[in-house]
Protein backbone atom coordinates (compact mmCIF):
# COMPACT_ATOMS: atom_id res chain seq x y z
CA MET A 1 91.42 -56.65 31.04
CA ASN A 2 92.13 -59.88 29.20
CA VAL A 3 91.13 -59.63 25.54
CA THR A 4 90.90 -63.02 23.84
CA SER A 5 90.05 -64.36 20.43
CA ILE A 6 90.59 -67.93 19.17
CA PHE A 7 92.91 -70.14 21.21
CA THR A 8 94.15 -73.64 20.44
CA PRO A 9 91.77 -75.99 22.32
CA THR A 10 94.35 -78.74 22.90
CA LEU A 11 96.84 -76.37 24.50
CA LEU A 12 94.20 -74.71 26.65
CA LEU A 13 92.70 -78.00 27.82
CA ALA A 14 96.08 -79.00 29.16
CA CYS A 15 96.30 -75.76 31.17
CA LEU A 16 92.83 -75.75 32.71
CA PRO A 17 92.13 -76.99 36.25
CA ALA A 18 90.49 -80.40 36.44
CA ALA A 19 87.35 -78.81 37.93
CA LEU A 20 86.73 -77.00 34.66
CA LEU A 21 86.68 -80.28 32.76
CA ALA A 22 84.06 -82.03 34.94
CA GLN A 23 80.90 -80.27 33.87
CA GLY A 24 77.50 -81.49 34.86
CA VAL A 25 73.89 -80.46 35.42
CA VAL A 26 71.55 -82.54 37.55
CA PRO A 27 67.85 -81.77 38.25
CA GLU A 28 68.71 -80.06 41.55
CA THR A 29 70.99 -77.61 39.70
CA LEU A 30 68.08 -76.35 37.62
CA LEU A 31 65.69 -76.29 40.58
CA HIS A 32 68.07 -74.32 42.80
CA PRO A 33 71.00 -72.92 40.78
CA PRO A 34 74.15 -72.23 42.84
CA LYS A 35 75.48 -68.69 42.57
CA ASP A 36 78.35 -69.81 40.33
CA THR A 37 76.03 -71.21 37.66
CA TRP A 38 73.46 -70.21 35.06
CA PRO A 39 72.38 -73.76 34.14
CA GLY A 40 69.38 -73.12 31.87
CA TYR A 41 68.17 -70.67 29.27
CA HIS A 42 66.32 -68.57 31.88
CA GLY A 43 68.76 -69.40 34.67
CA ASP A 44 66.23 -71.42 36.64
CA TYR A 45 62.89 -72.92 35.58
CA SER A 46 60.77 -69.88 36.49
CA GLY A 47 61.69 -67.54 33.63
CA LYS A 48 62.04 -64.61 36.06
CA ARG A 49 65.67 -63.90 35.08
CA HIS A 50 66.23 -62.57 38.56
CA SER A 51 69.43 -63.24 40.48
CA SER A 52 70.02 -63.34 44.23
CA LEU A 53 73.55 -61.96 43.75
CA THR A 54 74.20 -58.65 45.53
CA GLN A 55 77.87 -57.79 45.09
CA ILE A 56 77.07 -55.27 42.35
CA THR A 57 74.86 -52.60 43.93
CA PRO A 58 73.33 -49.25 42.94
CA GLN A 59 76.14 -47.61 44.89
CA ASN A 60 79.13 -49.36 43.29
CA VAL A 61 77.83 -50.19 39.80
CA PRO A 62 79.44 -47.00 38.37
CA GLU A 63 82.78 -48.76 39.01
CA LEU A 64 81.83 -51.67 36.74
CA GLY A 65 84.42 -52.43 34.06
CA LEU A 66 85.44 -55.09 31.56
CA ALA A 67 86.90 -58.27 33.01
CA TRP A 68 87.41 -59.84 29.57
CA ILE A 69 85.94 -60.06 26.09
CA PHE A 70 85.72 -62.98 23.67
CA GLN A 71 85.73 -62.43 19.91
CA THR A 72 83.98 -65.12 17.90
CA GLY A 73 85.15 -63.72 14.58
CA GLN A 74 81.66 -64.42 13.20
CA SER A 75 79.49 -61.98 11.25
CA ASN A 76 76.30 -63.28 12.88
CA VAL A 77 74.96 -61.48 15.94
CA ILE A 78 74.93 -63.43 19.21
CA LYS A 79 71.32 -64.03 20.27
CA ALA A 80 72.12 -66.86 22.67
CA SER A 81 71.58 -66.86 26.40
CA PRO A 82 74.78 -68.54 27.65
CA LEU A 83 74.99 -71.35 30.19
CA VAL A 84 77.56 -71.20 33.00
CA VAL A 85 78.37 -74.55 34.63
CA ASP A 86 81.48 -75.53 36.60
CA GLY A 87 83.38 -72.44 35.53
CA VAL A 88 82.70 -72.85 31.80
CA ILE A 89 80.44 -70.71 29.59
CA TYR A 90 78.58 -72.38 26.71
CA PHE A 91 76.97 -70.24 24.02
CA THR A 92 76.00 -70.49 20.38
CA LEU A 93 75.76 -68.88 16.99
CA PRO A 94 74.08 -70.63 14.04
CA ASP A 95 76.14 -73.79 13.29
CA ASN A 96 78.53 -73.02 16.20
CA VAL A 97 78.88 -73.96 19.87
CA TYR A 98 81.58 -72.35 22.02
CA ALA A 99 82.96 -73.36 25.42
CA VAL A 100 84.79 -70.48 27.15
CA ASP A 101 86.52 -70.20 30.52
CA ALA A 102 84.19 -68.11 32.71
CA ARG A 103 87.09 -66.54 34.63
CA SER A 104 89.41 -65.57 31.78
CA GLY A 105 87.39 -65.65 28.56
CA GLN A 106 89.78 -68.13 26.95
CA GLN A 107 88.31 -70.66 24.55
CA VAL A 108 88.10 -74.25 25.80
CA TRP A 109 86.70 -75.73 22.58
CA HIS A 110 84.65 -74.79 19.51
CA TYR A 111 82.24 -77.08 17.65
CA THR A 112 81.17 -76.29 14.08
CA TYR A 113 78.19 -78.01 12.46
CA PRO A 114 78.65 -78.88 8.77
CA PRO A 115 77.34 -76.43 6.11
CA ASN A 116 73.60 -76.82 5.61
CA LYS A 117 70.58 -75.19 3.97
CA GLY A 118 68.83 -74.30 7.20
CA PHE A 119 67.50 -70.82 7.97
CA HIS A 120 70.39 -69.04 9.73
CA ILE A 121 68.28 -66.32 11.35
CA GLY A 122 69.97 -66.66 14.76
CA HIS A 123 70.41 -69.08 17.64
CA ARG A 124 69.44 -68.91 21.30
CA GLY A 125 71.68 -71.41 23.07
CA VAL A 126 72.24 -74.93 24.33
CA SER A 127 70.86 -76.95 27.23
CA MET A 128 72.69 -79.41 29.49
CA TYR A 129 71.93 -82.78 31.10
CA LYS A 130 74.63 -84.43 33.19
CA ASP A 131 77.80 -83.66 31.20
CA TRP A 132 76.09 -83.53 27.80
CA LEU A 133 75.04 -80.50 25.77
CA PHE A 134 72.05 -80.33 23.40
CA PHE A 135 72.12 -78.07 20.36
CA LEU A 136 69.40 -77.49 17.72
CA THR A 137 70.81 -76.77 14.27
CA PRO A 138 69.37 -74.37 11.65
CA ASP A 139 68.26 -77.38 9.56
CA ALA A 140 66.37 -78.85 12.55
CA HIS A 141 68.72 -81.54 13.84
CA LEU A 142 69.27 -82.08 17.56
CA ILE A 143 72.95 -82.67 18.34
CA SER A 144 74.25 -84.05 21.62
CA LEU A 145 77.82 -83.06 22.47
CA ASN A 146 80.20 -84.03 25.26
CA ALA A 147 80.54 -80.89 27.38
CA SER A 148 84.19 -81.62 28.13
CA ASP A 149 85.47 -81.54 24.55
CA GLY A 150 82.60 -80.78 22.15
CA LYS A 151 82.64 -84.23 20.54
CA VAL A 152 79.37 -85.43 18.98
CA ARG A 153 77.50 -88.18 20.86
CA TRP A 154 74.52 -88.44 18.51
CA ASN A 155 72.64 -86.49 15.84
CA VAL A 156 68.89 -86.88 15.22
CA VAL A 157 66.48 -85.12 12.86
CA VAL A 158 63.60 -83.42 14.70
CA ALA A 159 61.88 -81.74 11.70
CA ASP A 160 62.11 -81.83 7.90
CA SER A 161 63.95 -78.71 6.75
CA GLN A 162 63.05 -79.54 3.13
CA LYS A 163 59.42 -78.73 4.02
CA GLY A 164 60.38 -75.38 5.51
CA TYR A 165 61.05 -76.16 9.17
CA TRP A 166 64.08 -74.71 10.94
CA ALA A 167 65.24 -74.42 14.56
CA THR A 168 66.69 -71.56 16.61
CA MET A 169 65.68 -72.27 20.21
CA SER A 170 67.56 -73.44 23.27
CA PRO A 171 66.18 -76.86 24.32
CA MET A 172 64.83 -77.30 27.85
CA VAL A 173 65.79 -80.15 30.17
CA ILE A 174 63.23 -81.50 32.67
CA GLY A 175 64.30 -84.68 34.41
CA ASN A 176 65.21 -87.14 31.65
CA HIS A 177 63.39 -85.14 28.97
CA VAL A 178 64.98 -82.77 26.46
CA ILE A 179 62.09 -80.60 25.28
CA ILE A 180 62.44 -79.02 21.84
CA GLY A 181 60.30 -76.76 19.66
CA VAL A 182 60.36 -75.86 15.98
CA SER A 183 60.16 -72.83 13.67
CA GLY A 184 58.64 -72.31 10.22
CA ASP A 185 56.29 -69.83 8.54
CA PHE A 186 55.04 -71.89 5.62
CA ASP A 187 51.34 -72.77 5.32
CA ASN A 188 51.71 -76.55 5.32
CA LEU A 189 53.53 -76.96 8.63
CA THR A 190 52.26 -78.02 12.04
CA GLY A 191 53.92 -76.66 15.17
CA TYR A 192 54.75 -79.06 17.96
CA LEU A 193 56.66 -79.79 21.14
CA ARG A 194 58.71 -82.95 21.27
CA SER A 195 60.42 -84.72 24.16
CA ILE A 196 63.73 -86.47 23.39
CA ASP A 197 65.53 -89.06 25.50
CA PRO A 198 68.90 -87.50 26.45
CA GLU A 199 70.61 -90.89 26.51
CA THR A 200 69.51 -92.19 23.11
CA GLY A 201 68.04 -89.31 21.09
CA LYS A 202 64.77 -91.21 20.63
CA THR A 203 61.40 -89.42 20.74
CA GLN A 204 59.44 -89.91 23.96
CA TRP A 205 56.30 -87.97 23.01
CA GLN A 206 55.03 -85.19 20.75
CA TRP A 207 52.29 -82.62 21.33
CA ASN A 208 50.90 -80.87 18.24
CA SER A 209 49.69 -77.28 18.51
CA THR A 210 47.47 -77.52 15.40
CA PRO A 211 45.52 -80.34 13.67
CA PRO A 212 47.19 -82.45 10.99
CA VAL A 213 47.91 -80.71 7.69
CA GLY A 214 44.88 -80.95 5.39
CA THR A 215 42.21 -80.90 8.12
CA PRO A 216 39.24 -78.97 6.60
CA ASP A 217 38.83 -75.34 7.75
CA ALA A 218 41.74 -75.73 10.16
CA THR A 219 44.90 -73.70 10.43
CA THR A 220 48.50 -74.76 10.42
CA GLY A 221 51.26 -72.89 12.26
CA GLY A 222 51.50 -72.59 16.03
CA MET A 223 55.29 -72.81 16.02
CA THR A 224 57.10 -73.31 19.32
CA TRP A 225 60.34 -71.41 18.74
CA MET A 226 61.11 -70.01 22.20
CA THR A 227 62.04 -71.83 25.42
CA GLY A 228 59.28 -72.39 27.98
CA THR A 229 59.22 -72.62 31.77
CA TYR A 230 58.38 -75.33 34.31
CA ASP A 231 56.70 -75.75 37.71
CA PRO A 232 58.15 -78.82 39.48
CA ASP A 233 55.41 -78.80 42.15
CA LEU A 234 52.61 -79.02 39.59
CA ASN A 235 54.82 -80.95 37.15
CA LEU A 236 53.61 -78.73 34.31
CA LEU A 237 55.58 -77.35 31.40
CA TYR A 238 54.48 -73.93 30.12
CA TRP A 239 55.07 -72.87 26.53
CA GLY A 240 53.99 -70.15 24.14
CA THR A 241 52.87 -70.99 20.60
CA GLY A 242 53.14 -69.09 17.33
CA ASN A 243 50.65 -67.50 14.99
CA PRO A 244 48.37 -69.36 12.57
CA THR A 245 48.99 -69.63 8.82
CA PRO A 246 48.16 -68.29 6.28
CA VAL A 247 49.48 -65.34 8.27
CA LEU A 248 47.65 -62.15 7.29
CA THR A 249 44.62 -63.64 5.58
CA ALA A 250 42.12 -65.82 7.38
CA SER A 251 39.30 -66.86 5.06
CA THR A 252 40.52 -70.47 4.96
CA ARG A 253 40.83 -70.82 8.75
CA PRO A 254 37.59 -69.77 10.49
CA GLY A 255 37.26 -69.80 14.27
CA ASP A 256 39.78 -69.25 17.05
CA ASN A 257 42.50 -71.40 15.43
CA LEU A 258 43.43 -73.39 18.54
CA TYR A 259 46.13 -73.79 19.77
CA THR A 260 47.91 -70.95 17.99
CA CYS A 261 48.93 -67.72 19.76
CA SER A 262 48.38 -69.55 23.05
CA ILE A 263 50.02 -70.27 26.37
CA VAL A 264 49.78 -74.02 27.01
CA ALA A 265 50.40 -76.19 30.06
CA VAL A 266 51.67 -79.69 29.23
CA ASN A 267 52.71 -82.65 31.37
CA PRO A 268 56.43 -83.18 30.59
CA ASP A 269 56.24 -86.91 31.24
CA ASP A 270 53.61 -87.79 28.64
CA GLY A 271 52.90 -84.64 26.60
CA LYS A 272 49.26 -84.40 27.67
CA LEU A 273 47.70 -80.93 27.54
CA ALA A 274 46.48 -79.71 30.95
CA TRP A 275 45.08 -76.34 29.85
CA ALA A 276 45.48 -73.59 27.26
CA PHE A 277 44.88 -69.85 27.21
CA GLN A 278 44.67 -68.09 23.86
CA ALA A 279 46.29 -64.64 23.89
CA SER A 280 45.21 -63.76 20.31
CA PRO A 281 42.15 -65.64 19.04
CA HIS A 282 42.07 -65.85 15.24
CA ASP A 283 45.23 -63.76 14.78
CA THR A 284 45.59 -61.82 11.49
CA HIS A 285 48.62 -59.67 12.42
CA ASP A 286 51.50 -62.17 12.83
CA TRP A 287 51.53 -61.83 16.63
CA ASP A 288 52.71 -65.11 18.09
CA ALA A 289 52.49 -65.72 21.86
CA VAL A 290 55.87 -67.43 22.32
CA GLU A 291 57.07 -64.76 24.77
CA THR A 292 58.40 -66.09 28.08
CA PRO A 293 55.69 -67.42 30.45
CA VAL A 294 57.13 -66.12 33.75
CA LEU A 295 56.22 -68.09 36.90
CA VAL A 296 55.69 -66.14 40.13
CA ASP A 297 54.45 -67.28 43.55
CA ALA A 298 53.04 -64.27 45.42
CA ASP A 299 49.86 -62.62 46.66
CA PHE A 300 47.44 -61.37 44.04
CA HIS A 301 44.76 -59.01 45.34
CA GLY A 302 45.30 -60.31 48.86
CA ALA A 303 45.35 -64.06 48.18
CA PRO A 304 48.38 -66.31 47.57
CA ARG A 305 48.60 -67.48 43.97
CA LYS A 306 50.76 -69.61 41.74
CA MET A 307 50.80 -67.24 38.77
CA LEU A 308 51.99 -67.17 35.19
CA MET A 309 52.71 -63.75 33.64
CA GLN A 310 53.34 -62.88 30.02
CA THR A 311 53.82 -59.69 28.07
CA SER A 312 52.50 -60.87 24.74
CA ARG A 313 53.51 -59.63 21.33
CA ASN A 314 49.94 -58.41 20.74
CA GLY A 315 50.38 -55.63 23.34
CA TYR A 316 48.61 -57.22 26.32
CA PHE A 317 50.00 -58.20 29.72
CA PHE A 318 48.40 -61.37 31.08
CA VAL A 319 48.34 -62.79 34.60
CA LEU A 320 47.01 -66.35 34.84
CA ASP A 321 46.52 -68.86 37.62
CA ARG A 322 49.01 -71.44 36.35
CA THR A 323 47.30 -74.32 38.15
CA THR A 324 44.07 -73.92 36.18
CA GLY A 325 44.85 -71.46 33.36
CA LYS A 326 42.18 -69.09 34.68
CA ASN A 327 42.77 -65.47 33.74
CA LEU A 328 43.38 -63.06 36.63
CA LEU A 329 44.32 -59.89 34.73
CA THR A 330 44.55 -58.62 31.16
CA ALA A 331 45.87 -55.12 30.52
CA PRO A 332 47.60 -53.31 27.62
CA TYR A 333 51.16 -52.17 28.33
CA GLY A 334 51.43 -49.78 25.38
CA PRO A 335 49.47 -48.54 22.35
CA VAL A 336 46.87 -51.18 21.36
CA ASN A 337 44.01 -50.44 18.94
CA TRP A 338 43.23 -53.77 17.27
CA SER A 339 40.73 -55.16 19.79
CA LEU A 340 37.19 -54.34 20.88
CA GLY A 341 38.01 -55.07 24.51
CA VAL A 342 38.41 -58.24 26.56
CA ASP A 343 35.97 -61.15 26.87
CA LYS A 344 34.90 -62.84 30.11
CA GLU A 345 37.83 -65.25 29.87
CA GLY A 346 40.34 -62.38 29.69
CA ARG A 347 41.04 -62.82 25.96
CA PRO A 348 41.20 -59.78 23.65
CA ILE A 349 38.31 -59.53 21.18
CA PRO A 350 39.64 -58.89 17.64
CA ASN A 351 38.18 -55.91 15.80
CA PRO A 352 37.32 -56.99 12.21
CA ASP A 353 37.91 -53.40 11.04
CA LYS A 354 41.59 -53.76 11.95
CA GLU A 355 42.25 -56.76 9.71
CA PRO A 356 44.55 -56.11 6.73
CA ALA A 357 42.73 -54.41 3.85
CA GLN A 358 43.53 -53.29 0.31
CA ASP A 359 43.51 -49.64 1.33
CA GLY A 360 45.49 -50.33 4.52
CA ARG A 361 44.67 -50.31 8.22
CA LEU A 362 46.60 -48.40 10.88
CA VAL A 363 47.26 -50.89 13.66
CA ALA A 364 49.06 -50.80 17.00
CA PRO A 365 51.30 -52.57 17.69
CA ASP A 366 53.05 -53.16 14.37
CA GLU A 367 54.02 -56.58 12.98
CA GLY A 368 57.08 -56.80 15.23
CA GLY A 369 54.81 -56.64 18.25
CA LEU A 370 54.94 -54.62 21.45
CA THR A 371 57.61 -57.09 22.53
CA ASN A 372 59.14 -60.15 20.93
CA TYR A 373 61.81 -62.74 21.73
CA ARG A 374 63.61 -60.47 24.20
CA SER A 375 63.49 -61.94 27.73
CA PRO A 376 61.68 -59.98 30.45
CA SER A 377 62.51 -60.09 34.15
CA PHE A 378 60.46 -60.10 37.35
CA ASP A 379 61.76 -58.43 40.52
CA PRO A 380 60.12 -59.93 43.65
CA ALA A 381 61.08 -57.03 45.95
CA THR A 382 59.25 -54.37 43.94
CA GLY A 383 56.63 -56.58 42.28
CA LEU A 384 57.68 -55.19 38.90
CA PHE A 385 57.59 -57.07 35.62
CA LEU A 386 60.21 -55.46 33.39
CA VAL A 387 59.98 -55.81 29.62
CA ASP A 388 61.74 -54.36 26.60
CA ALA A 389 58.79 -52.86 24.73
CA HIS A 390 58.48 -51.33 21.26
CA PRO A 391 55.42 -49.06 21.02
CA ALA A 392 54.67 -48.77 17.30
CA TYR A 393 52.03 -48.24 14.63
CA GLY A 394 52.03 -50.08 11.33
CA ILE A 395 49.86 -50.11 8.22
CA TYR A 396 48.60 -53.56 7.28
CA PHE A 397 47.71 -54.16 3.63
CA ALA A 398 45.85 -57.08 2.06
CA LYS A 399 47.18 -58.15 -1.34
CA PRO A 400 44.50 -60.02 -3.29
CA ALA A 401 47.02 -60.83 -6.03
CA ASP A 402 48.68 -63.22 -3.57
CA GLY A 403 45.45 -65.21 -3.18
CA VAL A 404 44.16 -66.62 0.07
CA PHE A 405 47.34 -68.55 0.79
CA GLY A 406 50.84 -67.29 1.41
CA TRP A 407 51.54 -64.09 3.30
CA ALA A 408 48.76 -62.35 1.33
CA GLY A 409 49.58 -58.94 2.74
CA ALA A 410 52.22 -56.60 4.04
CA ASP A 411 52.96 -54.43 7.06
CA TYR A 412 54.83 -51.12 7.09
CA THR A 413 55.87 -49.48 10.36
CA VAL A 414 55.11 -45.76 10.38
CA TRP A 415 56.20 -44.86 13.93
CA SER A 416 58.06 -46.67 16.70
CA LYS A 417 60.31 -46.27 19.70
CA ALA A 418 61.93 -48.49 22.33
CA VAL A 419 61.28 -48.37 26.08
CA LEU A 420 61.82 -50.48 29.16
CA ASP A 421 58.45 -50.75 30.90
CA ALA A 422 58.09 -51.64 34.58
CA ILE A 423 54.63 -53.16 35.03
CA ASP A 424 52.91 -53.53 38.41
CA TYR A 425 51.56 -57.09 38.20
CA GLN A 426 48.73 -56.36 40.63
CA THR A 427 47.15 -53.74 38.36
CA GLY A 428 48.82 -54.00 34.96
CA LYS A 429 49.74 -50.31 35.23
CA ILE A 430 53.17 -49.08 34.14
CA ARG A 431 54.95 -47.76 37.23
CA TRP A 432 57.86 -46.32 35.26
CA SER A 433 59.17 -46.33 31.71
CA HIS A 434 62.76 -45.76 30.57
CA GLU A 435 63.43 -44.56 27.02
CA LEU A 436 65.76 -46.87 25.06
CA GLY A 437 65.96 -44.90 21.82
CA PRO A 438 64.04 -44.30 18.60
CA ASN A 439 64.59 -47.77 17.21
CA GLY A 440 64.15 -51.27 18.56
CA SER A 441 66.42 -52.70 21.23
CA GLY A 442 67.17 -56.42 21.06
CA ALA A 443 68.44 -56.71 24.62
CA GLY A 444 66.54 -58.61 27.27
CA VAL A 445 66.43 -57.79 30.98
CA LEU A 446 68.17 -59.05 34.15
CA THR A 447 67.36 -57.95 37.71
CA THR A 448 69.23 -58.67 40.94
CA ASP A 449 68.45 -58.71 44.66
CA SER A 450 70.59 -55.60 45.14
CA GLY A 451 68.11 -53.53 43.13
CA VAL A 452 70.03 -53.25 39.85
CA THR A 453 68.49 -53.90 36.43
CA PHE A 454 70.68 -54.63 33.38
CA THR A 455 69.50 -54.17 29.80
CA GLY A 456 70.55 -52.47 26.56
CA ASP A 457 69.34 -49.60 24.39
CA SER A 458 68.87 -49.25 20.64
CA SER A 459 72.34 -47.70 20.22
CA GLY A 460 74.16 -50.71 21.64
CA ASN A 461 74.76 -49.32 25.13
CA LEU A 462 74.66 -51.64 28.13
CA LEU A 463 72.60 -49.99 30.87
CA ALA A 464 72.45 -50.45 34.63
CA LEU A 465 69.24 -48.99 36.05
CA GLN A 466 67.79 -48.68 39.52
CA THR A 467 64.99 -51.23 39.60
CA LYS A 468 62.61 -49.31 41.82
CA ASP A 469 62.42 -46.22 39.60
CA GLY A 470 64.34 -46.79 36.35
CA LYS A 471 67.04 -44.22 37.11
CA THR A 472 70.23 -44.66 35.05
CA LEU A 473 73.13 -45.72 37.28
CA TRP A 474 75.76 -46.58 34.66
CA HIS A 475 76.14 -47.26 30.94
CA ALA A 476 78.83 -48.42 28.53
CA GLY A 477 78.95 -48.54 24.75
CA THR A 478 79.52 -51.94 23.15
CA GLY A 479 79.99 -50.93 19.53
CA GLY A 480 77.38 -53.28 18.10
CA SER A 481 73.85 -54.60 18.22
CA MET A 482 72.70 -56.18 21.50
CA GLU A 483 70.36 -59.08 20.71
CA SER A 484 70.68 -61.30 23.80
CA SER A 485 69.69 -61.16 27.47
CA PRO A 486 72.25 -60.42 30.23
CA ILE A 487 73.09 -63.14 32.75
CA THR A 488 75.13 -63.07 35.96
CA TYR A 489 77.23 -65.49 38.02
CA GLU A 490 79.78 -65.37 40.84
CA LEU A 491 83.16 -67.15 40.84
CA ASP A 492 85.93 -66.88 43.45
CA GLY A 493 84.01 -64.16 45.27
CA ARG A 494 83.60 -61.99 42.16
CA GLN A 495 80.25 -61.30 40.45
CA TYR A 496 80.26 -61.13 36.65
CA VAL A 497 77.58 -59.78 34.31
CA LEU A 498 77.74 -61.42 30.90
CA THR A 499 76.42 -59.60 27.82
CA SER A 500 76.98 -59.71 24.07
CA SER A 501 77.13 -57.27 21.19
CA GLY A 502 77.49 -58.26 17.57
CA GLY A 503 79.68 -61.37 17.59
CA VAL A 504 81.47 -60.44 20.84
CA LEU A 505 80.91 -61.74 24.38
CA PHE A 506 81.58 -59.26 27.23
CA ALA A 507 82.19 -60.07 30.92
CA TRP A 508 81.78 -57.12 33.31
CA ALA A 509 82.85 -57.01 36.96
CA LEU A 510 83.92 -54.67 39.72
CA PRO A 511 87.68 -53.96 39.96
CA GLN A 512 89.58 -56.44 42.11
CA VAL A 513 90.99 -53.62 44.22
CA LEU A 514 87.45 -52.49 45.10
CA LEU A 515 86.49 -56.02 46.15
CA HIS A 516 89.61 -56.44 48.25
CA SER A 517 88.90 -53.14 50.03
CA GLY A 518 85.53 -54.50 51.16
CA GLN A 519 83.58 -51.68 49.55
């Protein structure tokens, strides 16, 4: 095991092979990632977080051990999904970008953004175009860095942090577009997607998820703080939007509050909306719908379909035809008591009796949602959609003293647990469920062609499960909180699984002696 911390970048650069210093991502890399790369937030454009690698199997995964670890020395928890390109790992913490050798865990370079007043809640990673990286800062700047040395190419403002915007997401690259979204929970902010020219930093287009601030009887909100997915055949970008504001009170925003809590399909070349599906009409529980829109091509009820699947924060699993946005299936995947059923378009019907009230309302799920930012995975062999779920009940209170604006309420969780649910996409039924502990787990999910699923539990253990039935195959304690999704790559004939815990990056692999023996 090679345990590393902070190395001198100049010295290390001189020692690295030239191949490690010639990074680059072209459109073909994202369309069909080679086995030695993880070139985008989800790996590829689909959001499935499924790998074709098979070296690590249900039979040999108990032999998995540490190849190396990298200590950031930071108090913040790593929430980033790393990129792996040309033998270099790129990952982030708020105000920080790291480049690390994917074979040894040694630091190549480290970029630090100047101190700022942004919201340092966490950070989810960088994106790459050619040999340039793109990094959103807590105070909503988009920075372009040279991937070879971390030097700044340009710096542009994408939202006004003085108004309450911030940024945590990993941008998404489609052709010559760098797609970014924004965060912010204040009542005077409009959510939007924006396309940036990777060469110049100039805005190409912007799509707003809500009307302009001040529009009568209209909501603001609809933030776009998680990375979407993309279908190159349809040339459509799919993105989830956040909840409306004011958050828990709704008297000033009648109606469905389009396009909040929605899955939207947008043309990446001009920003035109193709269709939208609203997961939570007129939300009053703080349940955004930014969860990953997973793209799957398979049969549905006997007919081939281009589908979009999402486990939404509101407790429902949705299957849509991603060409048209037509709903194919809506089903709860845990305790849900806030709706009166589902309408003819597949949208849940809010129950007015479950809105926040002065004497409290017991609601499932709680404010955190049945899932959240944690990435799911889809396994094509079993047809299972795997999601880190948090069944929970919370009491929602209205607070008239706060008025009709502001949060105007509160939520208190009274019971919760953490599970990994395996959902059959044909029926919405849970085929198996694996307990992850009494508290929430922040780990996402990775599946592989060999039938192994990687995730984490609420105690900070990395788990390897058998995908077909959820059986535990192997586990290892990490000593901290797991808040990011596992990824995998193969270099020099050796498959690595990359995870994080606290401020530490872990690379796991089979022992070299086992690989050399051909087992």
